[in-house]
Amino acid sequence: QVQLVESGGGSVQAGGSLRLSCAASAASGVSFSINSMAWYRQAPGKQRELVAVFSSGGSPKYAESVKGRFTISRDNAKMTVYLQMNGLKPEDTAVYYCNADTRMSWGQDYTFWGQGTQVTVSS
């Protein structure tokens, strides 16, 4: 019922920057609120891992591997979450997925995922 559309992936050299965006929307007549939005990533042959999460009313939390380099932010009015990635390293190469924990107007909670966007960092 909720669609997450990601953008901003691409290829950069080590030390470069990228900014990912993820916008949440729903079909006409469907209303919802967002409990939290997060970014995950999955590298080839590895499990999907949490990169950063921003809960409503809480402080952002980051994986140790990206602290000090990545910044998650939200625009509540646009229902959009961003991931600013600076100082990129080859080990940051992965497909990045947006995640949203939502509460629908009828009171049920659902988790939704974006389609993923590729980030490739070359050395």
C-alpha atoms as a PDB file:
ATOM      1  CA  GLN A   1       0.000   0.000   0.000  1.00  0.00           C
ATOM      2  CA  VAL A   2       3.015   2.273   0.449  1.00  0.00           C
ATOM      3  CA  GLN A   3       5.573   2.749  -2.288  1.00  0.00           C
ATOM      4  CA  LEU A   4       9.164   3.744  -1.633  1.00  0.00           C
ATOM      5  CA  VAL A   5      11.003   5.281  -4.579  1.00  0.00           C
ATOM      6  CA  GLU A   6      14.770   5.565  -4.287  1.00  0.00           C
ATOM      7  CA  SER A   7      17.189   7.649  -6.299  1.00  0.00           C
ATOM      8  CA  GLY A   8      20.754   8.887  -6.188  1.00  0.00           C
ATOM      9  CA  GLY A   9      22.876   5.779  -6.570  1.00  0.00           C
ATOM     10  CA  GLY A  10      25.801   5.602  -8.956  1.00  0.00           C
ATOM     11  CA  SER A  11      29.518   5.058  -9.336  1.00  0.00           C
ATOM     12  CA  VAL A  12      32.179   7.164  -7.660  1.00  0.00           C
ATOM     13  CA  GLN A  13      35.843   6.918  -6.814  1.00  0.00           C
ATOM     14  CA  ALA A  14      37.014   6.337  -3.284  1.00  0.00           C
ATOM     15  CA  GLY A  15      36.717   9.495  -1.219  1.00  0.00           C
ATOM     16  CA  GLY A  16      33.760  10.730  -3.231  1.00  0.00           C
ATOM     17  CA  SER A  17      30.211  11.514  -2.153  1.00  0.00           C
ATOM     18  CA  LEU A  18      26.697  10.468  -3.079  1.00  0.00           C
ATOM     19  CA  ARG A  19      23.294  11.408  -1.757  1.00  0.00           C
ATOM     20  CA  LEU A  20      20.479   8.881  -1.764  1.00  0.00           C
ATOM     21  CA  SER A  21      16.818   9.859  -1.541  1.00  0.00           C
ATOM     22  CA  CYS A  22      13.764   7.779  -0.741  1.00  0.00           C
ATOM     23  CA  ALA A  23      10.237   9.143  -1.034  1.00  0.00           C
ATOM     24  CA  ALA A  24       7.233   7.366   0.480  1.00  0.00           C
ATOM     25  CA  SER A  25       3.792   7.593  -1.054  1.00  0.00           C
ATOM     26  CA  ALA A  26       0.531   5.686  -1.040  1.00  0.00           C
ATOM     27  CA  ALA A  27      -2.337   5.104  -3.402  1.00  0.00           C
ATOM     28  CA  SER A  28      -5.192   7.570  -3.423  1.00  0.00           C
ATOM     29  CA  GLY A  29      -7.383   7.207  -0.382  1.00  0.00           C
ATOM     30  CA  VAL A  30      -4.731   5.479   1.706  1.00  0.00           C
ATOM     31  CA  SER A  31      -3.278   7.413   4.609  1.00  0.00           C
ATOM     32  CA  PHE A  32      -0.432   6.419   6.860  1.00  0.00           C
ATOM     33  CA  SER A  33       2.180   7.706   9.239  1.00  0.00           C
ATOM     34  CA  ILE A  34       5.827   6.790   9.429  1.00  0.00           C
ATOM     35  CA  ASN A  35       7.306   5.283  12.576  1.00  0.00           C
ATOM     36  CA  SER A  36      10.824   5.088  11.228  1.00  0.00           C
ATOM     37  CA  MET A  37      12.774   5.187   7.996  1.00  0.00           C
ATOM     38  CA  ALA A  38      16.091   3.525   7.440  1.00  0.00           C
ATOM     39  CA  TRP A  39      18.726   2.602   4.906  1.00  0.00           C
ATOM     40  CA  TYR A  40      20.069  -0.917   4.560  1.00  0.00           C
ATOM     41  CA  ARG A  41      22.644  -2.278   2.176  1.00  0.00           C
ATOM     42  CA  GLN A  42      23.550  -5.639   0.745  1.00  0.00           C
ATOM     43  CA  ALA A  43      26.885  -6.415  -0.844  1.00  0.00           C
ATOM     44  CA  PRO A  44      27.356  -9.446  -3.115  1.00  0.00           C
ATOM     45  CA  GLY A  45      27.523 -12.629  -1.071  1.00  0.00           C
ATOM     46  CA  LYS A  46      26.695 -10.841   2.176  1.00  0.00           C
ATOM     47  CA  GLN A  47      23.610 -10.414   4.308  1.00  0.00           C
ATOM     48  CA  ARG A  48      21.606  -7.237   4.244  1.00  0.00           C
ATOM     49  CA  GLU A  49      22.766  -4.894   7.010  1.00  0.00           C
ATOM     50  CA  LEU A  50      21.420  -1.775   8.639  1.00  0.00           C
ATOM     51  CA  VAL A  51      23.296   1.372   7.646  1.00  0.00           C
ATOM     52  CA  ALA A  52      21.311   4.104   9.373  1.00  0.00           C
ATOM     53  CA  VAL A  53      17.875   4.579  10.912  1.00  0.00           C
ATOM     54  CA  PHE A  54      15.835   7.615  11.845  1.00  0.00           C
ATOM     55  CA  SER A  55      12.915   6.988  14.184  1.00  0.00           C
ATOM     56  CA  SER A  56      10.220   9.564  14.823  1.00  0.00           C
ATOM     57  CA  GLY A  57      11.153  11.483  17.937  1.00  0.00           C
ATOM     58  CA  GLY A  58      14.519   9.767  18.202  1.00  0.00           C
ATOM     59  CA  SER A  59      18.091  10.436  17.253  1.00  0.00           C
ATOM     60  CA  PRO A  60      19.624   8.907  14.150  1.00  0.00           C
ATOM     61  CA  LYS A  61      21.575   5.708  14.646  1.00  0.00           C
ATOM     62  CA  TYR A  62      24.382   4.440  12.436  1.00  0.00           C
ATOM     63  CA  ALA A  63      26.348   1.305  11.796  1.00  0.00           C
ATOM     64  CA  GLU A  64      29.842   1.601  13.233  1.00  0.00           C
ATOM     65  CA  SER A  65      31.346   1.249   9.767  1.00  0.00           C
ATOM     66  CA  VAL A  66      29.708   4.465   8.502  1.00  0.00           C
ATOM     67  CA  LYS A  67      29.746   6.691  11.584  1.00  0.00           C
ATOM     68  CA  GLY A  68      31.283  10.046  10.844  1.00  0.00           C
ATOM     69  CA  ARG A  69      30.939   9.566   7.086  1.00  0.00           C
ATOM     70  CA  PHE A  70      27.204   9.064   6.455  1.00  0.00           C
ATOM     71  CA  THR A  71      24.328  11.273   7.581  1.00  0.00           C
ATOM     72  CA  ILE A  72      20.655  10.292   7.536  1.00  0.00           C
ATOM     73  CA  SER A  73      18.013  12.996   7.502  1.00  0.00           C
ATOM     74  CA  ARG A  74      14.262  13.256   6.990  1.00  0.00           C
ATOM     75  CA  ASP A  75      11.836  15.717   5.475  1.00  0.00           C
ATOM     76  CA  ASN A  76       8.599  14.806   7.235  1.00  0.00           C
ATOM     77  CA  ALA A  77       6.456  17.043   5.046  1.00  0.00           C
ATOM     78  CA  LYS A  78       7.733  15.253   1.940  1.00  0.00           C
ATOM     79  CA  MET A  79       7.874  11.834   3.640  1.00  0.00           C
ATOM     80  CA  THR A  80      11.381  11.541   2.308  1.00  0.00           C
ATOM     81  CA  VAL A  81      14.546  10.209   3.856  1.00  0.00           C
ATOM     82  CA  TYR A  82      18.036  11.032   2.646  1.00  0.00           C
ATOM     83  CA  LEU A  83      21.417   9.417   3.092  1.00  0.00           C
ATOM     84  CA  GLN A  84      24.393  11.695   2.535  1.00  0.00           C
ATOM     85  CA  MET A  85      27.454   9.531   2.005  1.00  0.00           C
ATOM     86  CA  ASN A  86      30.861  11.183   2.203  1.00  0.00           C
ATOM     87  CA  GLY A  87      34.307   9.667   2.221  1.00  0.00           C
ATOM     88  CA  LEU A  88      33.072   6.625   0.339  1.00  0.00           C
ATOM     89  CA  LYS A  89      35.210   3.490   0.428  1.00  0.00           C
ATOM     90  CA  PRO A  90      35.242   0.472  -1.891  1.00  0.00           C
ATOM     91  CA  GLU A  91      33.730  -1.582   0.945  1.00  0.00           C
ATOM     92  CA  ASP A  92      30.649   0.663   0.785  1.00  0.00           C
ATOM     93  CA  THR A  93      29.830  -0.887  -2.592  1.00  0.00           C
ATOM     94  CA  ALA A  94      26.401  -2.497  -2.313  1.00  0.00           C
ATOM     95  CA  VAL A  95      22.775  -2.227  -3.252  1.00  0.00           C
ATOM     96  CA  TYR A  96      21.190   0.256  -0.863  1.00  0.00           C
ATOM     97  CA  TYR A  97      17.593  -0.274   0.195  1.00  0.00           C
ATOM     98  CA  CYS A  98      15.192   2.146   1.783  1.00  0.00           C
ATOM     99  CA  ASN A  99      12.968   0.790   4.556  1.00  0.00           C
ATOM    100  CA  ALA A 100       9.921   2.308   6.217  1.00  0.00           C
ATOM    101  CA  ASP A 101       7.973   1.122   9.236  1.00  0.00           C
ATOM    102  CA  THR A 102       4.503   2.581   8.866  1.00  0.00           C
ATOM    103  CA  ARG A 103       1.181   2.712  10.663  1.00  0.00           C
ATOM    104  CA  MET A 104      -1.824   2.691   8.393  1.00  0.00           C
ATOM    105  CA  SER A 105      -4.935   4.731   9.157  1.00  0.00           C
ATOM    106  CA  TRP A 106      -6.749   1.586  10.346  1.00  0.00           C
ATOM    107  CA  GLY A 107      -4.095   1.023  12.990  1.00  0.00           C
ATOM    108  CA  GLN A 108      -2.009  -1.792  11.548  1.00  0.00           C
ATOM    109  CA  ASP A 109       1.757  -1.555  11.172  1.00  0.00           C
ATOM    110  CA  TYR A 110       3.549  -2.596   8.000  1.00  0.00           C
ATOM    111  CA  THR A 111       7.140  -2.568   6.813  1.00  0.00           C
ATOM    112  CA  PHE A 112       7.922  -1.616   3.244  1.00  0.00           C
ATOM    113  CA  TRP A 113      11.079  -1.776   1.146  1.00  0.00           C
ATOM    114  CA  GLY A 114      12.314   0.186  -1.827  1.00  0.00           C
ATOM    115  CA  GLN A 115      13.556  -1.461  -4.996  1.00  0.00           C
ATOM    116  CA  GLY A 116      17.207  -0.794  -4.199  1.00  0.00           C
ATOM    117  CA  THR A 117      19.797   1.461  -5.772  1.00  0.00           C
ATOM    118  CA  GLN A 118      23.331   0.430  -6.676  1.00  0.00           C
ATOM    119  CA  VAL A 119      26.288   2.246  -5.164  1.00  0.00           C
ATOM    120  CA  THR A 120      29.698   1.358  -6.584  1.00  0.00           C
ATOM    121  CA  VAL A 121      32.921   2.786  -5.176  1.00  0.00           C
ATOM    122  CA  SER A 122      36.139   2.197  -7.083  1.00  0.00           C
ATOM    123  CA  SER A 123      39.606   2.421  -5.608  1.00  0.00           C
END
